[in-house]
Amino acid sequence: MRILILGGTRFLGKRVAETLVAAGHDLTLLSRRPGSAPQGARQVCAERGAGLGALKGNRFDLVLDFICHDGEGPGAVAVSVDPERYVLISSTWVPRLWSGARADELEPEPAPPALDLPAVTVNYLSGKVRAEQAVSGLRKAGRNAVSLRLPIMLGEGDHTGRLDFYRHRFADGGQVIAVGGGHNSAQIAVMDDLAQAMVQWVAVADIGRFPVWEGLPGEGRSVRSILERMADAVGPTATLVDVPVAELARDFPAYLKQEPFWRESALLVTEANIYAAVGMVPAVFGHGLHAPAPAASPAANLRPEELRFLANRQTH
């Protein structure tokens, strides 16, 4: 296939690009990061709008759009390169704006967010909602366009620092906060595994079958069990200390701003699951746990304050 990836130069997008090239596809990347395309791929190094302008008139069998966060993006792709199929990469957090239970739910009537989320998260997800609505408009116009919502994922090259947050904590063997006891559930995908599923999905599945697909790796596990697995892999035995969310919000809100898992909750895996569509059994999370965390990390800066907070709790 002739494939265009918008973005695709780090983490999941990078691995998808590398896998597509290895599978023999003719790949073009549009990215503002020079030299970041895998060997064998063509790169257009430009901002999104200018790059689509440079590609105008080219035709692609497939476009994977990792960087669209607004309602104008999907239509601009359709006008510029007229792809046979278009996939907007979105997030399984989108239905949580309205406390949805299924990862394939479309937005109900517009309303204020149902959850108390940080403004930056609401802005990001709201942008994805507008992009998904634009995809629905393309479908109504007869185009083969879909949204693919992806879950939290961990693996090599994770620029979000989620894994590093706990690598730092478990490495010193001290007490570590378990927000709310870690009893909420998280559905964490293995990045390499998800990349393989995506590449197979675009190759063999009828992607136009559903307006929204999802990449959930299963029903989820408790965050506490995930943290215990991390602790065992990193080295020294750490003690998890259950701390209620309300207490942290009152006495240590900075922790809640950085801790990556406490807002997670499980969504229902649907018929529109890409693993099921290609007959893959999702891998169990565990990749990369033994690697050391980088010394320069926001997570490391917060650790002394966390230890003081825990010590103060013991003295009261």
C-alpha atoms as a PDB file:
ATOM      1  CA  MET A   1       0.000   0.000   0.000  1.00  0.00           C
ATOM      2  CA  ARG A   2       0.926   3.648  -0.410  1.00  0.00           C
ATOM      3  CA  ILE A   3       0.612   4.969   3.124  1.00  0.00           C
ATOM      4  CA  LEU A   4       0.911   8.442   4.618  1.00  0.00           C
ATOM      5  CA  ILE A   5       1.497   8.868   8.341  1.00  0.00           C
ATOM      6  CA  LEU A   6       0.908  12.261   9.900  1.00  0.00           C
ATOM      7  CA  GLY A   7       3.296  12.298  12.846  1.00  0.00           C
ATOM      8  CA  GLY A   8       4.756   8.867  13.418  1.00  0.00           C
ATOM      9  CA  THR A   9       8.178   9.920  14.658  1.00  0.00           C
ATOM     10  CA  ARG A  10       8.090   8.811  18.299  1.00  0.00           C
ATOM     11  CA  PHE A  11       6.790   6.022  20.518  1.00  0.00           C
ATOM     12  CA  LEU A  12       3.836   4.134  18.987  1.00  0.00           C
ATOM     13  CA  GLY A  13       3.786   6.094  15.746  1.00  0.00           C
ATOM     14  CA  LYS A  14       7.480   5.447  15.207  1.00  0.00           C
ATOM     15  CA  ARG A  15       7.083   1.725  15.810  1.00  0.00           C
ATOM     16  CA  VAL A  16       4.083   1.549  13.457  1.00  0.00           C
ATOM     17  CA  ALA A  17       6.114   3.341  10.768  1.00  0.00           C
ATOM     18  CA  GLU A  18       9.066   0.973  11.204  1.00  0.00           C
ATOM     19  CA  THR A  19       6.779  -2.058  11.045  1.00  0.00           C
ATOM     20  CA  LEU A  20       5.023  -0.834   7.905  1.00  0.00           C
ATOM     21  CA  VAL A  21       8.336  -0.270   6.121  1.00  0.00           C
ATOM     22  CA  ALA A  22       9.556  -3.708   7.186  1.00  0.00           C
ATOM     23  CA  ALA A  23       6.361  -5.199   5.737  1.00  0.00           C
ATOM     24  CA  GLY A  24       7.164  -3.650   2.357  1.00  0.00           C
ATOM     25  CA  HIS A  25       4.701  -0.761   2.217  1.00  0.00           C
ATOM     26  CA  ASP A  26       5.487   2.498   0.421  1.00  0.00           C
ATOM     27  CA  LEU A  27       5.537   4.907   3.354  1.00  0.00           C
ATOM     28  CA  THR A  28       5.595   8.700   3.549  1.00  0.00           C
ATOM     29  CA  LEU A  29       5.850  10.552   6.857  1.00  0.00           C
ATOM     30  CA  LEU A  30       4.744  14.124   7.359  1.00  0.00           C
ATOM     31  CA  SER A  31       6.526  15.460  10.428  1.00  0.00           C
ATOM     32  CA  ARG A  32       8.255  18.609  11.637  1.00  0.00           C
ATOM     33  CA  ARG A  33      11.118  16.581  13.132  1.00  0.00           C
ATOM     34  CA  PRO A  34      13.860  16.189  10.481  1.00  0.00           C
ATOM     35  CA  GLY A  35      15.611  12.858  10.145  1.00  0.00           C
ATOM     36  CA  SER A  36      13.072  10.980  12.213  1.00  0.00           C
ATOM     37  CA  ALA A  37      11.616   8.760   9.503  1.00  0.00           C
ATOM     38  CA  PRO A  38      12.655   5.084   9.413  1.00  0.00           C
ATOM     39  CA  GLN A  39      15.099   4.012   6.735  1.00  0.00           C
ATOM     40  CA  GLY A  40      13.217   3.257   3.536  1.00  0.00           C
ATOM     41  CA  ALA A  41      10.471   5.832   4.137  1.00  0.00           C
ATOM     42  CA  ARG A  42      10.091   9.232   2.527  1.00  0.00           C
ATOM     43  CA  GLN A  43       9.776  12.215   4.840  1.00  0.00           C
ATOM     44  CA  VAL A  44       8.123  15.563   4.271  1.00  0.00           C
ATOM     45  CA  CYS A  45       9.512  17.791   7.014  1.00  0.00           C
ATOM     46  CA  ALA A  46       6.997  20.546   7.646  1.00  0.00           C
ATOM     47  CA  GLU A  47       4.134  21.688   9.850  1.00  0.00           C
ATOM     48  CA  ARG A  48       0.877  19.871   9.198  1.00  0.00           C
ATOM     49  CA  GLY A  49      -0.786  22.475   6.961  1.00  0.00           C
ATOM     50  CA  ALA A  50       2.293  23.253   4.882  1.00  0.00           C
ATOM     51  CA  GLY A  51       3.118  19.581   4.514  1.00  0.00           C
ATOM     52  CA  LEU A  52      -0.361  18.683   3.280  1.00  0.00           C
ATOM     53  CA  GLY A  53      -0.045  21.538   0.814  1.00  0.00           C
ATOM     54  CA  ALA A  54       3.247  20.107  -0.456  1.00  0.00           C
ATOM     55  CA  LEU A  55       1.605  16.703  -0.859  1.00  0.00           C
ATOM     56  CA  LYS A  56      -1.509  18.029  -2.587  1.00  0.00           C
ATOM     57  CA  GLY A  57      -2.412  15.887  -5.579  1.00  0.00           C
ATOM     58  CA  ASN A  58      -0.676  12.777  -4.261  1.00  0.00           C
ATOM     59  CA  ARG A  59      -2.933   9.777  -3.707  1.00  0.00           C
ATOM     60  CA  PHE A  60      -2.606   7.324  -0.824  1.00  0.00           C
ATOM     61  CA  ASP A  61      -4.294   4.038  -0.063  1.00  0.00           C
ATOM     62  CA  LEU A  62      -4.222   4.823   3.644  1.00  0.00           C
ATOM     63  CA  VAL A  63      -3.598   7.777   5.947  1.00  0.00           C
ATOM     64  CA  LEU A  64      -2.846   7.249   9.639  1.00  0.00           C
ATOM     65  CA  ASP A  65      -3.289  10.550  11.435  1.00  0.00           C
ATOM     66  CA  PHE A  66      -1.551  10.650  14.824  1.00  0.00           C
ATOM     67  CA  ILE A  67      -1.514  14.434  15.226  1.00  0.00           C
ATOM     68  CA  CYS A  68      -5.046  15.691  14.569  1.00  0.00           C
ATOM     69  CA  HIS A  69      -6.634  17.495  17.534  1.00  0.00           C
ATOM     70  CA  ASP A  70      -9.325  19.618  15.884  1.00  0.00           C
ATOM     71  CA  GLY A  71     -12.350  19.477  13.639  1.00  0.00           C
ATOM     72  CA  GLU A  72     -10.611  20.822  10.541  1.00  0.00           C
ATOM     73  CA  GLY A  73      -7.841  18.224  10.269  1.00  0.00           C
ATOM     74  CA  PRO A  74      -9.662  15.235   8.738  1.00  0.00           C
ATOM     75  CA  GLY A  75     -11.291  17.347   6.029  1.00  0.00           C
ATOM     76  CA  ALA A  76      -7.982  18.976   5.154  1.00  0.00           C
ATOM     77  CA  VAL A  77      -6.467  15.531   4.591  1.00  0.00           C
ATOM     78  CA  ALA A  78      -9.375  14.516   2.360  1.00  0.00           C
ATOM     79  CA  VAL A  79      -9.011  17.644   0.234  1.00  0.00           C
ATOM     80  CA  SER A  80      -5.229  17.459  -0.065  1.00  0.00           C
ATOM     81  CA  VAL A  81      -4.473  13.786  -0.678  1.00  0.00           C
ATOM     82  CA  ASP A  82      -7.889  12.121  -1.161  1.00  0.00           C
ATOM     83  CA  PRO A  83      -6.989   8.867   0.643  1.00  0.00           C
ATOM     84  CA  GLU A  84      -8.768   5.595  -0.022  1.00  0.00           C
ATOM     85  CA  ARG A  85      -8.946   5.079   3.781  1.00  0.00           C
ATOM     86  CA  TYR A  86      -8.395   7.498   6.638  1.00  0.00           C
ATOM     87  CA  VAL A  87      -7.740   6.582  10.289  1.00  0.00           C
ATOM     88  CA  LEU A  88      -7.813   9.199  13.027  1.00  0.00           C
ATOM     89  CA  ILE A  89      -5.786   8.077  16.045  1.00  0.00           C
ATOM     90  CA  SER A  90      -7.835   9.010  19.102  1.00  0.00           C
ATOM     91  CA  SER A  91      -8.014   7.975  22.757  1.00  0.00           C
ATOM     92  CA  THR A  92     -10.098   5.592  24.854  1.00  0.00           C
ATOM     93  CA  TRP A  93     -10.264   8.454  27.356  1.00  0.00           C
ATOM     94  CA  VAL A  94     -12.695  10.291  25.048  1.00  0.00           C
ATOM     95  CA  PRO A  95     -15.879   8.601  26.382  1.00  0.00           C
ATOM     96  CA  ARG A  96     -14.776   9.386  29.918  1.00  0.00           C
ATOM     97  CA  LEU A  97     -15.662  13.010  29.184  1.00  0.00           C
ATOM     98  CA  TRP A  98     -19.269  11.939  29.637  1.00  0.00           C
ATOM     99  CA  SER A  99     -18.628   8.934  31.942  1.00  0.00           C
ATOM    100  CA  GLY A 100     -19.168   6.481  29.128  1.00  0.00           C
ATOM    101  CA  ALA A 101     -18.763   2.764  29.771  1.00  0.00           C
ATOM    102  CA  ARG A 102     -17.810   1.579  26.278  1.00  0.00           C
ATOM    103  CA  ALA A 103     -14.704   2.453  24.318  1.00  0.00           C
ATOM    104  CA  ASP A 104     -16.679   2.775  21.071  1.00  0.00           C
ATOM    105  CA  GLU A 105     -19.339   5.215  22.324  1.00  0.00           C
ATOM    106  CA  LEU A 106     -19.877   8.313  20.243  1.00  0.00           C
ATOM    107  CA  GLU A 107     -20.387  11.646  21.940  1.00  0.00           C
ATOM    108  CA  PRO A 108     -23.908  12.190  23.271  1.00  0.00           C
ATOM    109  CA  GLU A 109     -25.488  15.625  23.358  1.00  0.00           C
ATOM    110  CA  PRO A 110     -22.793  18.251  24.063  1.00  0.00           C
ATOM    111  CA  ALA A 111     -22.470  18.867  27.789  1.00  0.00           C
ATOM    112  CA  PRO A 112     -19.840  19.927  30.322  1.00  0.00           C
ATOM    113  CA  PRO A 113     -17.365  17.135  31.174  1.00  0.00           C
ATOM    114  CA  ALA A 114     -18.825  14.630  33.638  1.00  0.00           C
ATOM    115  CA  LEU A 115     -15.477  14.148  35.374  1.00  0.00           C
ATOM    116  CA  ASP A 116     -13.302  16.621  37.220  1.00  0.00           C
ATOM    117  CA  LEU A 117     -10.359  16.525  34.828  1.00  0.00           C
ATOM    118  CA  PRO A 118      -7.400  18.896  34.450  1.00  0.00           C
ATOM    119  CA  ALA A 119      -8.017  21.651  31.916  1.00  0.00           C
ATOM    120  CA  VAL A 120      -5.203  20.412  29.666  1.00  0.00           C
ATOM    121  CA  THR A 121      -6.825  16.949  29.547  1.00  0.00           C
ATOM    122  CA  VAL A 122     -10.265  18.368  28.791  1.00  0.00           C
ATOM    123  CA  ASN A 123      -8.818  20.525  25.989  1.00  0.00           C
ATOM    124  CA  TYR A 124      -6.979  17.553  24.474  1.00  0.00           C
ATOM    125  CA  LEU A 125      -9.982  15.216  24.627  1.00  0.00           C
ATOM    126  CA  SER A 126     -12.374  17.907  23.402  1.00  0.00           C
ATOM    127  CA  GLY A 127     -10.108  18.373  20.393  1.00  0.00           C
ATOM    128  CA  LYS A 128     -10.243  14.656  19.724  1.00  0.00           C
ATOM    129  CA  VAL A 129     -14.050  14.752  19.978  1.00  0.00           C
ATOM    130  CA  ARG A 130     -14.177  17.499  17.335  1.00  0.00           C
ATOM    131  CA  ALA A 131     -11.856  15.462  15.130  1.00  0.00           C
ATOM    132  CA  GLU A 132     -14.017  12.358  15.580  1.00  0.00           C
ATOM    133  CA  GLN A 133     -17.101  14.368  14.629  1.00  0.00           C
ATOM    134  CA  ALA A 134     -15.304  15.462  11.465  1.00  0.00           C
ATOM    135  CA  VAL A 135     -14.527  11.819  10.702  1.00  0.00           C
ATOM    136  CA  SER A 136     -18.236  11.032  11.067  1.00  0.00           C
ATOM    137  CA  GLY A 137     -18.912  13.805   8.563  1.00  0.00           C
ATOM    138  CA  LEU A 138     -16.492  12.226   6.098  1.00  0.00           C
ATOM    139  CA  ARG A 139     -18.276   8.889   6.504  1.00  0.00           C
ATOM    140  CA  LYS A 140     -21.629  10.503   5.783  1.00  0.00           C
ATOM    141  CA  ALA A 141     -20.075  11.937   2.623  1.00  0.00           C
ATOM    142  CA  GLY A 142     -19.190   8.406   1.511  1.00  0.00           C
ATOM    143  CA  ARG A 143     -15.561   8.248   2.551  1.00  0.00           C
ATOM    144  CA  ASN A 144     -13.939   5.278   4.279  1.00  0.00           C
ATOM    145  CA  ALA A 145     -12.910   7.143   7.427  1.00  0.00           C
ATOM    146  CA  VAL A 146     -12.769   5.831  11.006  1.00  0.00           C
ATOM    147  CA  SER A 147     -11.528   6.757  14.452  1.00  0.00           C
ATOM    148  CA  LEU A 148      -9.231   4.408  16.354  1.00  0.00           C
ATOM    149  CA  ARG A 149      -9.187   4.961  20.110  1.00  0.00           C
ATOM    150  CA  LEU A 150      -6.071   3.719  21.825  1.00  0.00           C
ATOM    151  CA  PRO A 151      -5.534   3.047  25.546  1.00  0.00           C
ATOM    152  CA  ILE A 152      -2.699   3.932  27.846  1.00  0.00           C
ATOM    153  CA  MET A 153       0.385   2.057  26.657  1.00  0.00           C
ATOM    154  CA  LEU A 154       3.863   1.465  27.987  1.00  0.00           C
ATOM    155  CA  GLY A 155       7.066   0.486  26.273  1.00  0.00           C
ATOM    156  CA  GLU A 156      10.453   1.640  25.063  1.00  0.00           C
ATOM    157  CA  GLY A 157      10.623   5.318  24.150  1.00  0.00           C
ATOM    158  CA  ASP A 158       7.549   6.369  26.131  1.00  0.00           C
ATOM    159  CA  HIS A 159       7.825  10.171  26.132  1.00  0.00           C
ATOM    160  CA  THR A 160       5.031  10.515  28.711  1.00  0.00           C
ATOM    161  CA  GLY A 161       7.283   9.283  31.532  1.00  0.00           C
ATOM    162  CA  ARG A 162       4.556   7.081  33.041  1.00  0.00           C
ATOM    163  CA  LEU A 163       6.888   4.173  33.585  1.00  0.00           C
ATOM    164  CA  ASP A 164       9.682   6.385  34.894  1.00  0.00           C
ATOM    165  CA  PHE A 165       7.372   7.797  37.557  1.00  0.00           C
ATOM    166  CA  TYR A 166       7.365   4.448  39.348  1.00  0.00           C
ATOM    167  CA  ARG A 167      10.829   3.269  38.362  1.00  0.00           C
ATOM    168  CA  HIS A 168      12.207   6.135  40.451  1.00  0.00           C
ATOM    169  CA  ARG A 169      10.023   5.272  43.410  1.00  0.00           C
ATOM    170  CA  PHE A 170      10.663   1.555  43.537  1.00  0.00           C
ATOM    171  CA  ALA A 171      14.402   1.884  42.949  1.00  0.00           C
ATOM    172  CA  ASP A 172      15.140   3.279  46.447  1.00  0.00           C
ATOM    173  CA  GLY A 173      13.135   0.627  48.294  1.00  0.00           C
ATOM    174  CA  GLY A 174      11.192   3.158  50.336  1.00  0.00           C
ATOM    175  CA  GLN A 175       7.478   3.493  50.873  1.00  0.00           C
ATOM    176  CA  VAL A 176       5.395   4.352  47.820  1.00  0.00           C
ATOM    177  CA  ILE A 177       1.909   5.858  47.700  1.00  0.00           C
ATOM    178  CA  ALA A 178      -0.908   3.758  46.289  1.00  0.00           C
ATOM    179  CA  VAL A 179      -3.584   6.313  45.436  1.00  0.00           C
ATOM    180  CA  GLY A 180      -6.905   5.132  46.820  1.00  0.00           C
ATOM    181  CA  GLY A 181      -5.258   1.788  47.516  1.00  0.00           C
ATOM    182  CA  GLY A 182      -4.800   1.202  43.772  1.00  0.00           C
ATOM    183  CA  HIS A 183      -8.149  -0.567  43.601  1.00  0.00           C
ATOM    184  CA  ASN A 184      -9.187   1.062  40.322  1.00  0.00           C
ATOM    185  CA  SER A 185      -8.602  -0.850  37.092  1.00  0.00           C
ATOM    186  CA  ALA A 186      -6.318   0.051  34.210  1.00  0.00           C
ATOM    187  CA  GLN A 187      -6.115  -1.373  30.701  1.00  0.00           C
ATOM    188  CA  ILE A 188      -2.476  -1.024  29.699  1.00  0.00           C
ATOM    189  CA  ALA A 189      -1.311  -2.077  26.258  1.00  0.00           C
ATOM    190  CA  VAL A 190       2.226  -3.125  25.379  1.00  0.00           C
ATOM    191  CA  MET A 191       3.377  -0.615  22.780  1.00  0.00           C
ATOM    192  CA  ASP A 192       5.156  -3.089  20.463  1.00  0.00           C
ATOM    193  CA  ASP A 193       2.183  -5.437  20.634  1.00  0.00           C
ATOM    194  CA  LEU A 194      -0.286  -2.668  19.826  1.00  0.00           C
ATOM    195  CA  ALA A 195       1.835  -1.561  16.857  1.00  0.00           C
ATOM    196  CA  GLN A 196       1.732  -5.099  15.441  1.00  0.00           C
ATOM    197  CA  ALA A 197      -2.034  -5.249  15.909  1.00  0.00           C
ATOM    198  CA  MET A 198      -2.502  -1.916  14.121  1.00  0.00           C
ATOM    199  CA  VAL A 199      -0.366  -2.945  11.152  1.00  0.00           C
ATOM    200  CA  GLN A 200      -2.263  -6.219  10.782  1.00  0.00           C
ATOM    201  CA  TRP A 201      -5.579  -4.431  11.232  1.00  0.00           C
ATOM    202  CA  VAL A 202      -5.018  -1.962   8.370  1.00  0.00           C
ATOM    203  CA  ALA A 203      -3.800  -4.828   6.168  1.00  0.00           C
ATOM    204  CA  VAL A 204      -6.600  -7.361   6.625  1.00  0.00           C
ATOM    205  CA  ALA A 205      -9.641  -5.820   8.340  1.00  0.00           C
ATOM    206  CA  ASP A 206     -12.633  -4.075   6.815  1.00  0.00           C
ATOM    207  CA  ILE A 207     -11.898  -0.922   8.758  1.00  0.00           C
ATOM    208  CA  GLY A 208     -15.005   0.835   7.499  1.00  0.00           C
ATOM    209  CA  ARG A 209     -17.210  -1.661   9.329  1.00  0.00           C
ATOM    210  CA  PHE A 210     -17.341   0.472  12.491  1.00  0.00           C
ATOM    211  CA  PRO A 211     -17.129   4.257  12.864  1.00  0.00           C
ATOM    212  CA  VAL A 212     -15.051   3.903  16.037  1.00  0.00           C
ATOM    213  CA  TRP A 213     -12.566   1.121  16.733  1.00  0.00           C
ATOM    214  CA  GLU A 214     -10.648   0.534  19.953  1.00  0.00           C
ATOM    215  CA  GLY A 215      -7.362  -1.056  20.967  1.00  0.00           C
ATOM    216  CA  LEU A 216      -8.090  -2.178  24.523  1.00  0.00           C
ATOM    217  CA  PRO A 217      -5.848  -5.128  25.465  1.00  0.00           C
ATOM    218  CA  GLY A 218      -8.409  -6.803  27.736  1.00  0.00           C
ATOM    219  CA  GLU A 219     -10.676  -6.252  30.691  1.00  0.00           C
ATOM    220  CA  GLY A 220      -7.966  -4.623  32.786  1.00  0.00           C
ATOM    221  CA  ARG A 221      -6.129  -5.246  36.041  1.00  0.00           C
ATOM    222  CA  SER A 222      -6.087  -3.435  39.334  1.00  0.00           C
ATOM    223  CA  VAL A 223      -3.544  -0.640  39.488  1.00  0.00           C
ATOM    224  CA  ARG A 224      -2.255  -2.165  42.718  1.00  0.00           C
ATOM    225  CA  SER A 225      -1.377  -5.424  40.951  1.00  0.00           C
ATOM    226  CA  ILE A 226       0.372  -3.451  38.212  1.00  0.00           C
ATOM    227  CA  LEU A 227       2.410  -1.516  40.779  1.00  0.00           C
ATOM    228  CA  GLU A 228       3.345  -4.729  42.584  1.00  0.00           C
ATOM    229  CA  ARG A 229       4.581  -6.198  39.306  1.00  0.00           C
ATOM    230  CA  MET A 230       6.665  -3.098  38.669  1.00  0.00           C
ATOM    231  CA  ALA A 231       8.126  -3.203  42.167  1.00  0.00           C
ATOM    232  CA  ASP A 232       9.139  -6.862  41.804  1.00  0.00           C
ATOM    233  CA  ALA A 233      10.836  -6.157  38.482  1.00  0.00           C
ATOM    234  CA  VAL A 234      12.765  -3.048  39.498  1.00  0.00           C
ATOM    235  CA  GLY A 235      14.577  -4.562  42.461  1.00  0.00           C
ATOM    236  CA  PRO A 236      14.324  -3.543  46.114  1.00  0.00           C
ATOM    237  CA  THR A 237      11.107  -4.459  47.847  1.00  0.00           C
ATOM    238  CA  ALA A 238       8.918  -1.403  48.272  1.00  0.00           C
ATOM    239  CA  THR A 239       5.964  -1.022  50.613  1.00  0.00           C
ATOM    240  CA  LEU A 240       2.785   0.373  49.097  1.00  0.00           C
ATOM    241  CA  VAL A 241       0.946   2.738  51.431  1.00  0.00           C
ATOM    242  CA  ASP A 242      -2.766   3.233  50.782  1.00  0.00           C
ATOM    243  CA  VAL A 243      -3.632   6.933  50.776  1.00  0.00           C
ATOM    244  CA  PRO A 244      -7.166   8.180  50.017  1.00  0.00           C
ATOM    245  CA  VAL A 245      -7.594  10.499  47.048  1.00  0.00           C
ATOM    246  CA  ALA A 246      -9.260  13.119  49.254  1.00  0.00           C
ATOM    247  CA  GLU A 247      -6.266  13.230  51.586  1.00  0.00           C
ATOM    248  CA  LEU A 248      -3.847  13.681  48.717  1.00  0.00           C
ATOM    249  CA  ALA A 249      -6.024  16.377  47.182  1.00  0.00           C
ATOM    250  CA  ARG A 250      -5.919  18.241  50.485  1.00  0.00           C
ATOM    251  CA  ASP A 251      -2.319  17.697  51.633  1.00  0.00           C
ATOM    252  CA  PHE A 252      -0.285  16.665  48.580  1.00  0.00           C
ATOM    253  CA  PRO A 253      -2.077  17.731  45.367  1.00  0.00           C
ATOM    254  CA  ALA A 254       1.171  17.832  43.393  1.00  0.00           C
ATOM    255  CA  TYR A 255       1.278  14.048  43.587  1.00  0.00           C
ATOM    256  CA  LEU A 256      -2.136  13.676  41.981  1.00  0.00           C
ATOM    257  CA  LYS A 257      -1.054  15.970  39.147  1.00  0.00           C
ATOM    258  CA  GLN A 258       1.821  13.656  38.225  1.00  0.00           C
ATOM    259  CA  GLU A 259       0.727  10.145  39.223  1.00  0.00           C
ATOM    260  CA  PRO A 260      -0.227   8.476  35.916  1.00  0.00           C
ATOM    261  CA  PHE A 261      -2.748   5.778  36.875  1.00  0.00           C
ATOM    262  CA  TRP A 262      -5.118   6.950  39.595  1.00  0.00           C
ATOM    263  CA  ARG A 263      -7.769   8.257  37.193  1.00  0.00           C
ATOM    264  CA  GLU A 264      -7.822   5.076  35.117  1.00  0.00           C
ATOM    265  CA  SER A 265     -10.933   2.896  34.964  1.00  0.00           C
ATOM    266  CA  ALA A 266     -11.865  -0.068  32.818  1.00  0.00           C
ATOM    267  CA  LEU A 267     -14.059   0.274  29.742  1.00  0.00           C
ATOM    268  CA  LEU A 268     -15.959  -2.563  28.076  1.00  0.00           C
ATOM    269  CA  VAL A 269     -14.045  -4.279  25.287  1.00  0.00           C
ATOM    270  CA  THR A 270     -16.256  -4.138  22.194  1.00  0.00           C
ATOM    271  CA  GLU A 271     -16.853  -5.915  18.924  1.00  0.00           C
ATOM    272  CA  ALA A 272     -14.806  -3.155  17.312  1.00  0.00           C
ATOM    273  CA  ASN A 273     -11.589  -4.301  19.011  1.00  0.00           C
ATOM    274  CA  ILE A 274      -8.584  -4.434  16.689  1.00  0.00           C
ATOM    275  CA  TYR A 275      -6.950  -7.362  18.489  1.00  0.00           C
ATOM    276  CA  ALA A 276     -10.092  -9.431  17.970  1.00  0.00           C
ATOM    277  CA  ALA A 277     -10.348  -8.281  14.347  1.00  0.00           C
ATOM    278  CA  VAL A 278      -6.940  -9.787  13.518  1.00  0.00           C
ATOM    279  CA  GLY A 279      -7.097 -12.790  15.881  1.00  0.00           C
ATOM    280  CA  MET A 280      -4.335 -11.565  18.209  1.00  0.00           C
ATOM    281  CA  VAL A 281      -4.125 -12.295  21.915  1.00  0.00           C
ATOM    282  CA  PRO A 282      -2.876  -9.082  23.595  1.00  0.00           C
ATOM    283  CA  ALA A 283       0.474  -9.346  25.337  1.00  0.00           C
ATOM    284  CA  VAL A 284       0.633  -9.026  29.115  1.00  0.00           C
ATOM    285  CA  PHE A 285       2.245  -5.786  30.249  1.00  0.00           C
ATOM    286  CA  GLY A 286       5.767  -6.178  31.597  1.00  0.00           C
ATOM    287  CA  HIS A 287       8.094  -4.901  28.882  1.00  0.00           C
ATOM    288  CA  GLY A 288      10.921  -2.612  29.927  1.00  0.00           C
ATOM    289  CA  LEU A 289      10.367  -2.761  33.665  1.00  0.00           C
ATOM    290  CA  HIS A 290      13.980  -3.653  34.444  1.00  0.00           C
ATOM    291  CA  ALA A 291      15.441  -0.634  32.616  1.00  0.00           C
ATOM    292  CA  PRO A 292      16.653   2.153  34.931  1.00  0.00           C
ATOM    293  CA  ALA A 293      14.813   5.446  34.987  1.00  0.00           C
ATOM    294  CA  PRO A 294      16.678   8.485  33.657  1.00  0.00           C
ATOM    295  CA  ALA A 295      18.189  10.710  36.350  1.00  0.00           C
ATOM    296  CA  ALA A 296      16.600  13.880  34.973  1.00  0.00           C
ATOM    297  CA  SER A 297      12.881  13.405  35.407  1.00  0.00           C
ATOM    298  CA  PRO A 298      10.026  15.381  37.001  1.00  0.00           C
ATOM    299  CA  ALA A 299       9.108  12.170  38.821  1.00  0.00           C
ATOM    300  CA  ALA A 300      12.462  12.182  40.622  1.00  0.00           C
ATOM    301  CA  ASN A 301      11.986  15.777  41.756  1.00  0.00           C
ATOM    302  CA  LEU A 302       8.767  14.895  43.572  1.00  0.00           C
ATOM    303  CA  ARG A 303      10.145  11.857  45.419  1.00  0.00           C
ATOM    304  CA  PRO A 304      11.667  13.701  48.455  1.00  0.00           C
ATOM    305  CA  GLU A 305       8.383  15.502  49.058  1.00  0.00           C
ATOM    306  CA  GLU A 306       6.531  12.199  48.857  1.00  0.00           C
ATOM    307  CA  LEU A 307       8.786  10.624  51.488  1.00  0.00           C
ATOM    308  CA  ARG A 308       8.272  13.620  53.793  1.00  0.00           C
ATOM    309  CA  PHE A 309       4.516  13.375  53.318  1.00  0.00           C
ATOM    310  CA  LEU A 310       4.550   9.676  54.238  1.00  0.00           C
ATOM    311  CA  ALA A 311       6.784  10.297  57.258  1.00  0.00           C
ATOM    312  CA  ASN A 312       4.466  13.026  58.525  1.00  0.00           C
ATOM    313  CA  ARG A 313       1.472  10.699  58.243  1.00  0.00           C
ATOM    314  CA  GLN A 314       3.228   8.217  60.540  1.00  0.00           C
ATOM    315  CA  THR A 315       3.824  10.839  63.225  1.00  0.00           C
ATOM    316  CA  HIS A 316       0.194  11.988  63.419  1.00  0.00           C
END
